[in-house]
Amino acid sequence: MKLSVKLVYFIAGSKIAVVIFFILLLPFLVAGIASQYTNYALRDQQRKVISDISKKGIDFYLQGDESFGSYNLLKEEYISLQPANEHFDMDTITTEERIVEQDTLTYRVLSYAFKANNDNYLLEIGKTTSSINQYNKPLQRIALYVLLGLIVLTIVADLIFTRLLISPLDKIIQSKLINRKFPFKEPAIPVKTTTQDFKYLDQSLIDLMDQINVDFEKEREFTANASHELMTPISILQNKMENLLAEEHVTEEIAISIIGMMKTLGRLKKISSSLLLISRIENEQFARTDEVKPAKLMEEILEEISHRMEEKGLVLNVSLSDNITFKNVNQDLLFQFFYNLINNAIKYNVEKGSISISDHLDRSGYSISIGDTGIGIAKEDLDFIFDRFRKTNLGENVGYGLGLSIVKSIAVYHGLDVKVDSVVGKGSAFTIRFPTHIVSA
């Protein structure tokens, strides 16, 4: 998922979460505010009553009676004064029910005990909860509308700003990563941006690409030169050793030593040839003008390598379409490509195991799968099996040499996609997907 999409989801999600949280909390907030305001109003009335009593005396309210009570017309508010016990003490605000003219009403009641003329009195000031809460819902709606309006405005502003902010990053990704093919033959053009972080990222990628190009060219040149230069002394040594073996005075012990050295030299020659082949592929020295039928190509490979399968007692299952043709490819390279994969399937298979080769054609394209019942590849090695001379974690003598490196080079050269699935002890499956422009059905 792209960063811009993630930011949009995050912004929208966070705003929606705020709205939902606020909606859930709004009734409690409004009710709390209304309750606090009522408490404040009750206390204010308490201070006024006490102030009047201190100035005018308790009789100002009692007027000769023992107690005083007064309700407004709609019974929404009341005030009462009545005698209390000598040691009675109270200063609370609670929600209580009162019976007024046979009606049970719920009030928010302030109860306050005080002394006047050396007597204890209880002051009660009440306000109905219905009158307190009558404006709650309108207030909630107004607050919600204001919040939704602000959320919409901030989302639009955030989206516009986010798009403007990360647009240079999209350009960097497009120009430096997605639309660039290694090796980088054209110079990279810096992306214009005022964000210092993006400038640094863009320039770092340009520097990295330049360094990769330089290092790649050096490695390719060294590999080609070293492999080419090694072939001549290797061939000379082989000829001299063959001549030594032909000498009559060479003893059996010396002959065995020479044969051992020739085997080592043969391995060195094979490595040099492989490195030279990789270098030639990477330098695009092979033409892609052949038409190849995969079924016919596989038949030739299996015919050449069948003796190795017989030695291990392997069972082969081949199911390939006869009407598929590859166009604009190099037949020799594809032969080497499949030969190396099948050779590995044989080399790392178990005795009397099996190898299956099948293809699949659908709307997404054409693919060939090569599976075996061999030792498998450890999960931690899967990302590195195409590296040169890579050793696995399955044993000291298990490695992939240059075979899969050649496979990778040929795949890159033809635009093939190679995927590997493997389970240790059960086997491996290589799936090769071919680009549609080289497949003809």
Protein backbone atom coordinates (compact mmCIF):
# COMPACT_ATOMS: atom_id res chain seq x y z
CA MET A 1 0.00 0.00 0.00
CA LYS A 2 1.35 3.41 -0.99
CA LEU A 3 2.33 5.95 1.65
CA SER A 4 -0.23 8.47 0.35
CA VAL A 5 -3.04 5.93 0.69
CA LYS A 6 -1.89 5.01 4.20
CA LEU A 7 -1.85 8.69 5.17
CA VAL A 8 -5.35 9.19 3.72
CA TYR A 9 -6.64 6.17 5.63
CA PHE A 10 -4.94 7.35 8.81
CA ILE A 11 -6.26 10.91 8.52
CA ALA A 12 -9.80 9.79 7.68
CA GLY A 13 -9.71 7.02 10.29
CA SER A 14 -8.43 9.31 13.03
CA LYS A 15 -11.09 11.93 12.24
CA ILE A 16 -13.84 9.31 12.20
CA ALA A 17 -12.55 7.91 15.49
CA VAL A 18 -12.66 11.40 16.99
CA VAL A 19 -16.23 11.90 15.75
CA ILE A 20 -17.40 8.54 17.09
CA PHE A 21 -15.67 9.13 20.41
CA PHE A 22 -17.13 12.63 20.63
CA ILE A 23 -20.64 11.40 19.74
CA LEU A 24 -20.43 8.77 22.45
CA LEU A 25 -19.04 11.27 24.94
CA LEU A 26 -21.23 14.23 23.93
CA PRO A 27 -24.33 13.40 26.06
CA PHE A 28 -22.14 12.94 29.13
CA LEU A 29 -20.22 16.14 28.41
CA VAL A 30 -23.37 18.22 27.93
CA ALA A 31 -25.02 16.62 30.96
CA GLY A 32 -21.88 17.25 33.01
CA ILE A 33 -21.66 20.85 31.89
CA ALA A 34 -25.36 21.37 32.65
CA SER A 35 -24.91 19.75 36.07
CA GLN A 36 -21.88 21.87 36.90
CA TYR A 37 -23.66 25.02 35.76
CA THR A 38 -26.70 24.08 37.92
CA ASN A 39 -24.44 23.48 40.91
CA TYR A 40 -22.87 26.88 40.37
CA ALA A 41 -26.32 28.54 40.10
CA LEU A 42 -27.51 26.80 43.28
CA ARG A 43 -24.43 27.94 45.17
CA ASP A 44 -24.95 31.47 43.89
CA GLN A 45 -28.53 31.43 45.15
CA GLN A 46 -27.32 30.01 48.49
CA ARG A 47 -24.89 32.91 48.89
CA LYS A 48 -27.65 35.42 48.12
CA VAL A 49 -30.06 33.86 50.68
CA ILE A 50 -27.39 33.71 53.39
CA SER A 51 -26.42 37.30 52.56
CA ASP A 52 -30.05 38.44 52.88
CA ILE A 53 -30.42 36.57 56.19
CA SER A 54 -27.23 38.11 57.57
CA LYS A 55 -28.42 41.58 56.61
CA LYS A 56 -32.17 41.37 57.21
CA GLY A 57 -32.46 38.51 59.67
CA ILE A 58 -34.10 35.10 59.43
CA ASP A 59 -37.54 36.60 59.93
CA PHE A 60 -37.24 38.21 56.53
CA TYR A 61 -38.05 34.73 55.17
CA LEU A 62 -39.93 33.09 58.07
CA GLN A 63 -42.22 36.07 58.83
CA GLY A 64 -43.22 34.59 62.16
CA ASP A 65 -43.57 30.98 60.95
CA GLU A 66 -41.30 28.09 61.91
CA SER A 67 -40.42 27.30 58.29
CA PHE A 68 -40.52 28.79 54.83
CA GLY A 69 -41.21 27.24 51.43
CA SER A 70 -41.72 28.71 48.00
CA TYR A 71 -42.15 27.20 44.50
CA ASN A 72 -42.31 29.04 41.22
CA LEU A 73 -45.37 28.74 39.01
CA LEU A 74 -44.21 25.63 37.07
CA LYS A 75 -42.67 24.01 40.16
CA GLU A 76 -39.30 24.06 38.39
CA GLU A 77 -37.55 25.74 41.32
CA TYR A 78 -38.14 25.92 45.03
CA ILE A 79 -36.53 27.24 48.19
CA SER A 80 -37.24 26.14 51.76
CA LEU A 81 -36.07 27.03 55.26
CA GLN A 82 -36.80 24.84 58.25
CA PRO A 83 -35.42 24.35 61.75
CA ALA A 84 -32.79 21.65 62.26
CA ASN A 85 -31.30 19.83 65.23
CA GLU A 86 -28.72 21.65 67.26
CA HIS A 87 -25.80 19.49 66.06
CA PHE A 88 -27.10 18.93 62.53
CA ASP A 89 -24.54 19.71 59.84
CA MET A 90 -24.98 19.42 56.06
CA ASP A 91 -23.58 21.01 52.91
CA THR A 92 -24.42 18.87 49.87
CA ILE A 93 -25.86 19.00 46.36
CA THR A 94 -27.76 15.85 45.42
CA THR A 95 -30.44 14.65 43.04
CA GLU A 96 -33.60 13.74 44.96
CA GLU A 97 -37.29 13.23 44.44
CA ARG A 98 -39.87 15.56 45.99
CA ILE A 99 -43.66 15.26 46.17
CA VAL A 100 -45.24 18.58 45.26
CA GLU A 101 -49.03 18.76 45.22
CA GLN A 102 -49.26 15.00 44.67
CA ASP A 103 -46.69 15.17 41.80
CA THR A 104 -43.37 13.36 42.20
CA LEU A 105 -40.65 15.53 40.72
CA THR A 106 -36.89 15.01 40.52
CA TYR A 107 -34.80 17.94 41.70
CA ARG A 108 -31.19 18.88 41.91
CA VAL A 109 -31.18 19.90 45.60
CA LEU A 110 -28.68 22.01 47.52
CA SER A 111 -28.91 21.29 51.27
CA TYR A 112 -27.08 23.66 53.61
CA ALA A 113 -27.21 23.85 57.41
CA PHE A 114 -26.46 27.20 59.10
CA LYS A 115 -27.04 29.09 62.32
CA ALA A 116 -29.20 32.17 62.71
CA ASN A 117 -30.18 33.74 66.04
CA ASN A 118 -28.37 30.84 67.80
CA ASP A 119 -30.72 28.35 66.13
CA ASN A 120 -29.90 25.72 63.49
CA TYR A 121 -31.68 25.91 60.16
CA LEU A 122 -31.62 23.83 57.00
CA LEU A 123 -31.71 25.68 53.70
CA GLU A 124 -32.82 23.76 50.59
CA ILE A 125 -32.72 25.17 47.09
CA GLY A 126 -33.95 22.89 44.30
CA LYS A 127 -34.18 22.90 40.52
CA THR A 128 -35.95 20.19 38.48
CA THR A 129 -33.72 17.99 36.38
CA SER A 130 -36.13 18.32 33.47
CA SER A 131 -35.53 22.06 33.34
CA ILE A 132 -31.79 21.47 33.64
CA ASN A 133 -31.72 18.98 30.75
CA GLN A 134 -34.23 20.66 28.43
CA TYR A 135 -31.45 22.24 26.38
CA ASN A 136 -29.18 19.19 26.31
CA LYS A 137 -30.30 17.74 22.97
CA PRO A 138 -30.25 21.05 21.06
CA LEU A 139 -26.79 21.73 22.46
CA GLN A 140 -25.67 18.25 21.44
CA ARG A 141 -26.92 18.74 17.88
CA ILE A 142 -25.25 22.13 17.56
CA ALA A 143 -21.95 20.78 18.93
CA LEU A 144 -22.15 17.76 16.61
CA TYR A 145 -22.83 19.90 13.51
CA VAL A 146 -19.95 22.18 14.37
CA LEU A 147 -17.66 19.19 14.91
CA LEU A 148 -18.66 17.49 11.64
CA GLY A 149 -18.09 20.72 9.74
CA LEU A 150 -14.66 21.14 11.28
CA ILE A 151 -13.80 17.49 10.58
CA VAL A 152 -14.76 17.79 6.91
CA LEU A 153 -12.76 20.98 6.51
CA THR A 154 -9.69 19.51 8.24
CA ILE A 155 -9.89 16.28 6.19
CA VAL A 156 -9.98 18.24 2.92
CA ALA A 157 -7.13 20.46 4.08
CA ASP A 158 -5.10 17.46 5.30
CA LEU A 159 -5.60 15.57 2.02
CA ILE A 160 -4.56 18.54 -0.11
CA PHE A 161 -1.53 19.22 2.07
CA THR A 162 -0.57 15.52 2.22
CA ARG A 163 -0.75 15.18 -1.55
CA LEU A 164 1.38 18.27 -2.05
CA LEU A 165 3.81 17.16 0.66
CA ILE A 166 4.53 13.65 -0.63
CA SER A 167 4.26 14.33 -4.38
CA PRO A 168 8.09 14.65 -4.61
CA LEU A 169 8.41 11.23 -2.97
CA ASP A 170 6.19 9.71 -5.68
CA LYS A 171 8.36 11.34 -8.33
CA ILE A 172 11.51 9.98 -6.67
CA ILE A 173 10.08 6.46 -6.56
CA GLN A 174 8.91 6.63 -10.17
CA SER A 175 12.11 8.12 -11.59
CA LYS A 176 14.72 6.36 -9.42
CA LEU A 177 13.19 2.97 -8.62
CA ILE A 178 10.19 1.86 -10.69
CA ASN A 179 11.14 3.17 -14.12
CA ARG A 180 14.88 2.48 -13.89
CA LYS A 181 16.36 -0.74 -15.18
CA PHE A 182 19.75 -1.99 -14.05
CA PRO A 183 22.37 -1.32 -15.31
CA PHE A 184 21.56 2.41 -15.25
CA LYS A 185 22.62 3.69 -18.64
CA GLU A 186 21.01 7.15 -18.52
CA PRO A 187 21.98 9.77 -15.91
CA ALA A 188 19.42 10.33 -13.17
CA ILE A 189 17.69 13.74 -13.08
CA PRO A 190 17.15 15.26 -9.59
CA VAL A 191 13.56 15.82 -8.52
CA LYS A 192 12.64 19.42 -7.70
CA THR A 193 11.40 19.75 -4.11
CA THR A 194 11.64 22.19 -1.21
CA THR A 195 11.57 19.42 1.40
CA GLN A 196 15.11 18.88 2.63
CA ASP A 197 14.51 15.21 3.55
CA PHE A 198 13.31 14.39 0.03
CA LYS A 199 16.27 16.27 -1.47
CA TYR A 200 18.62 14.21 0.65
CA LEU A 201 16.83 10.95 -0.28
CA ASP A 202 16.85 11.80 -3.99
CA GLN A 203 20.52 12.74 -4.03
CA SER A 204 21.44 9.66 -1.98
CA LEU A 205 19.66 7.41 -4.49
CA ILE A 206 21.43 9.15 -7.39
CA ASP A 207 24.81 8.71 -5.69
CA LEU A 208 24.00 5.11 -4.88
CA MET A 209 22.96 4.36 -8.46
CA ASP A 210 26.17 5.92 -9.76
CA GLN A 211 28.26 3.91 -7.31
CA ILE A 212 26.42 0.71 -8.23
CA ASN A 213 27.08 1.37 -11.90
CA VAL A 214 30.78 1.93 -11.26
CA ASP A 215 31.12 -1.15 -9.05
CA PHE A 216 29.10 -3.28 -11.45
CA GLU A 217 31.23 -2.28 -14.40
CA LYS A 218 34.40 -3.02 -12.43
CA GLU A 219 33.13 -6.41 -11.33
CA ARG A 220 31.89 -7.30 -14.81
CA GLU A 221 35.18 -6.25 -16.37
CA PHE A 222 37.21 -8.15 -13.80
CA THR A 223 35.06 -11.29 -14.10
CA ALA A 224 35.27 -11.25 -17.89
CA ASN A 225 39.01 -10.58 -17.96
CA ALA A 226 39.88 -13.01 -15.19
CA SER A 227 37.74 -15.81 -16.65
CA HIS A 228 39.10 -15.23 -20.14
CA GLU A 229 42.70 -15.02 -19.01
CA LEU A 230 42.40 -18.17 -16.88
CA MET A 231 41.16 -20.29 -19.78
CA THR A 232 44.52 -20.20 -21.61
CA PRO A 233 46.78 -21.44 -18.74
CA ILE A 234 44.12 -23.98 -17.74
CA SER A 235 44.08 -25.41 -21.26
CA ILE A 236 47.89 -25.48 -21.35
CA LEU A 237 48.04 -27.30 -18.00
CA GLN A 238 45.42 -29.81 -19.16
CA ASN A 239 47.43 -30.56 -22.31
CA LYS A 240 50.64 -31.00 -20.32
CA MET A 241 48.95 -33.33 -17.85
CA GLU A 242 47.44 -35.37 -20.67
CA ASN A 243 50.91 -35.63 -22.25
CA LEU A 244 52.37 -36.72 -18.91
CA LEU A 245 49.79 -39.48 -18.62
CA ALA A 246 50.76 -40.68 -22.09
CA GLU A 247 54.41 -41.10 -21.03
CA GLU A 248 55.44 -44.75 -20.59
CA HIS A 249 57.64 -44.21 -17.54
CA VAL A 250 54.82 -42.65 -15.44
CA THR A 251 54.05 -44.93 -12.50
CA GLU A 252 50.53 -45.78 -11.38
CA GLU A 253 50.87 -43.66 -8.22
CA ILE A 254 51.93 -40.60 -10.24
CA ALA A 255 49.16 -41.24 -12.77
CA ILE A 256 46.54 -41.22 -9.99
CA SER A 257 47.94 -37.91 -8.69
CA ILE A 258 47.85 -36.40 -12.17
CA ILE A 259 44.25 -37.54 -12.69
CA GLY A 260 43.30 -35.90 -9.36
CA MET A 261 44.95 -32.67 -10.43
CA MET A 262 43.15 -32.84 -13.78
CA LYS A 263 39.80 -33.17 -11.99
CA THR A 264 40.59 -30.09 -9.91
CA LEU A 265 41.69 -28.27 -13.03
CA GLY A 266 38.48 -29.36 -14.74
CA ARG A 267 36.42 -27.82 -11.94
CA LEU A 268 38.43 -24.60 -12.25
CA LYS A 269 37.83 -24.58 -16.00
CA LYS A 270 34.11 -25.11 -15.46
CA ILE A 271 33.96 -22.22 -12.97
CA SER A 272 35.85 -19.94 -15.37
CA SER A 273 33.54 -20.91 -18.23
CA SER A 274 30.49 -20.20 -16.07
CA LEU A 275 31.80 -16.81 -14.97
CA LEU A 276 32.62 -15.95 -18.57
CA LEU A 277 29.10 -17.00 -19.62
CA ILE A 278 27.53 -14.80 -16.93
CA SER A 279 29.69 -11.89 -18.02
CA ARG A 280 28.68 -12.34 -21.67
CA ILE A 281 25.00 -12.51 -20.71
CA GLU A 282 25.24 -9.35 -18.61
CA ASN A 283 27.04 -7.62 -21.48
CA GLU A 284 24.14 -8.66 -23.77
CA GLN A 285 26.42 -10.45 -26.20
CA PHE A 286 23.79 -13.03 -27.14
CA ALA A 287 21.22 -12.47 -29.89
CA ARG A 288 17.51 -12.99 -29.15
CA THR A 289 16.21 -13.99 -32.56
CA ASP A 290 15.29 -17.68 -32.10
CA GLU A 291 11.91 -19.37 -31.97
CA VAL A 292 11.81 -22.22 -29.47
CA LYS A 293 9.14 -24.72 -28.51
CA PRO A 294 9.52 -25.44 -24.77
CA ALA A 295 8.28 -29.02 -25.15
CA LYS A 296 10.93 -29.73 -27.83
CA LEU A 297 13.64 -27.94 -25.84
CA MET A 298 12.82 -29.92 -22.71
CA GLU A 299 12.93 -33.14 -24.67
CA GLU A 300 16.48 -32.38 -25.83
CA ILE A 301 17.59 -31.52 -22.29
CA LEU A 302 16.08 -34.66 -20.78
CA GLU A 303 17.64 -36.80 -23.47
CA GLU A 304 21.08 -35.41 -22.61
CA ILE A 305 20.66 -35.73 -18.85
CA SER A 306 18.53 -38.89 -18.62
CA HIS A 307 21.47 -41.11 -17.61
CA ARG A 308 21.87 -39.14 -14.38
CA MET A 309 18.21 -39.69 -13.49
CA GLU A 310 18.59 -43.41 -14.14
CA GLU A 311 21.60 -43.57 -11.84
CA LYS A 312 19.44 -42.26 -8.98
CA GLY A 313 16.34 -44.17 -10.00
CA LEU A 314 14.29 -41.01 -10.34
CA VAL A 315 10.75 -40.98 -11.72
CA LEU A 316 10.09 -38.24 -14.29
CA ASN A 317 6.68 -36.73 -15.04
CA VAL A 318 6.50 -34.28 -17.95
CA SER A 319 3.34 -32.47 -19.04
CA LEU A 320 4.04 -29.64 -21.49
CA SER A 321 1.84 -28.16 -24.22
CA ASP A 322 3.05 -28.78 -27.79
CA ASN A 323 1.48 -25.61 -29.21
CA ILE A 324 3.48 -23.08 -27.17
CA THR A 325 6.34 -21.22 -28.90
CA PHE A 326 8.82 -18.68 -27.54
CA LYS A 327 9.74 -15.87 -29.92
CA ASN A 328 12.73 -13.50 -29.88
CA VAL A 329 14.75 -15.62 -27.42
CA ASN A 330 18.17 -17.26 -27.41
CA GLN A 331 17.83 -21.03 -27.67
CA ASP A 332 21.27 -21.82 -26.25
CA LEU A 333 20.66 -19.69 -23.17
CA LEU A 334 17.21 -21.19 -22.55
CA PHE A 335 18.77 -24.65 -22.93
CA GLN A 336 21.35 -23.72 -20.28
CA PHE A 337 18.60 -22.18 -18.12
CA PHE A 338 16.42 -25.31 -17.94
CA TYR A 339 19.42 -27.64 -17.94
CA ASN A 340 20.74 -26.05 -14.74
CA LEU A 341 17.34 -26.19 -13.00
CA ILE A 342 16.78 -29.84 -13.91
CA ASN A 343 20.39 -30.69 -13.06
CA ASN A 344 19.86 -29.24 -9.56
CA ALA A 345 16.59 -31.16 -9.24
CA ILE A 346 18.57 -34.33 -9.91
CA LYS A 347 21.64 -33.41 -7.87
CA TYR A 348 19.71 -32.54 -4.68
CA ASN A 349 17.02 -35.21 -5.05
CA VAL A 350 16.78 -38.35 -2.95
CA GLU A 351 17.31 -41.85 -4.26
CA LYS A 352 14.23 -43.11 -6.16
CA GLY A 353 12.61 -39.69 -5.84
CA SER A 354 10.68 -37.89 -8.56
CA ILE A 355 10.82 -34.81 -10.78
CA SER A 356 7.75 -33.17 -12.29
CA ILE A 357 7.75 -30.66 -15.16
CA SER A 358 4.47 -29.01 -16.13
CA ASP A 359 3.17 -25.81 -17.66
CA HIS A 360 0.15 -23.58 -17.23
CA LEU A 361 -1.45 -21.06 -19.58
CA ASP A 362 -4.11 -18.61 -18.46
CA ARG A 363 -5.09 -14.97 -18.90
CA SER A 364 -2.20 -13.80 -16.74
CA GLY A 365 0.38 -15.56 -18.91
CA TYR A 366 2.38 -18.74 -19.41
CA SER A 367 4.48 -20.50 -16.79
CA ILE A 368 6.54 -23.67 -16.37
CA SER A 369 7.04 -25.42 -13.03
CA ILE A 370 9.91 -27.79 -12.17
CA GLY A 371 9.42 -29.64 -8.90
CA ASP A 372 11.42 -32.30 -7.09
CA THR A 373 11.29 -34.45 -3.96
CA GLY A 374 14.80 -33.53 -2.83
CA ILE A 375 16.37 -32.20 0.33
CA GLY A 376 14.67 -28.81 -0.04
CA ILE A 377 15.96 -25.35 0.75
CA ALA A 378 15.90 -23.78 4.20
CA LYS A 379 13.56 -20.79 4.48
CA GLU A 380 16.40 -18.47 5.49
CA ASP A 381 18.33 -19.44 2.32
CA LEU A 382 15.57 -18.80 -0.23
CA ASP A 383 16.49 -15.13 -0.74
CA PHE A 384 20.14 -15.98 -1.44
CA ILE A 385 20.10 -19.12 -3.61
CA PHE A 386 20.85 -17.14 -6.77
CA ASP A 387 24.00 -15.62 -5.24
CA ARG A 388 27.31 -16.94 -6.56
CA PHE A 389 28.93 -19.79 -4.58
CA ARG A 390 26.21 -19.55 -1.93
CA LYS A 391 26.40 -22.24 0.77
CA THR A 392 23.25 -23.48 2.49
CA ASN A 393 22.55 -24.25 6.12
CA LEU A 394 21.75 -27.87 5.28
CA GLY A 395 25.34 -29.12 5.30
CA GLU A 396 28.94 -28.17 4.61
CA ASN A 397 28.97 -29.88 1.22
CA VAL A 398 25.66 -28.44 0.01
CA GLY A 399 25.89 -25.31 -2.13
CA TYR A 400 24.55 -23.88 -5.35
CA GLY A 401 27.81 -22.89 -7.04
CA LEU A 402 27.24 -20.88 -10.22
CA GLY A 403 24.34 -22.86 -11.70
CA LEU A 404 21.59 -20.73 -10.22
CA SER A 405 23.59 -17.55 -10.82
CA ILE A 406 23.55 -18.42 -14.51
CA VAL A 407 19.82 -19.13 -14.23
CA LYS A 408 19.27 -15.68 -12.72
CA SER A 409 21.35 -13.92 -15.40
CA ILE A 410 19.45 -15.67 -18.21
CA ALA A 411 16.13 -14.89 -16.52
CA VAL A 412 16.99 -11.18 -16.25
CA TYR A 413 18.22 -11.16 -19.85
CA HIS A 414 14.89 -12.58 -21.13
CA GLY A 415 12.65 -10.83 -18.60
CA LEU A 416 11.58 -14.05 -16.88
CA ASP A 417 10.17 -14.16 -13.36
CA VAL A 418 11.46 -17.05 -11.24
CA LYS A 419 9.79 -17.97 -7.95
CA VAL A 420 10.86 -20.69 -5.54
CA ASP A 421 8.79 -22.66 -3.03
CA SER A 422 10.60 -25.17 -0.86
CA VAL A 423 10.22 -27.24 2.29
CA VAL A 424 13.26 -28.86 3.89
CA GLY A 425 13.06 -32.62 3.57
CA LYS A 426 10.16 -32.52 1.10
CA GLY A 427 11.50 -30.82 -2.00
CA SER A 428 11.52 -27.63 -4.07
CA ALA A 429 9.49 -26.14 -6.89
CA PHE A 430 10.77 -23.51 -9.32
CA THR A 431 8.04 -21.63 -11.21
CA ILE A 432 9.11 -19.61 -14.25
CA ARG A 433 6.65 -17.07 -15.64
CA PHE A 434 7.32 -15.83 -19.18
CA PRO A 435 6.46 -12.32 -20.42
CA THR A 436 3.53 -12.27 -22.81
CA HIS A 437 5.48 -10.66 -25.65
CA ILE A 438 7.68 -13.74 -26.14
CA VAL A 439 4.91 -16.37 -25.81
CA SER A 440 2.88 -17.51 -28.79
CA ALA A 441 0.12 -20.11 -28.32
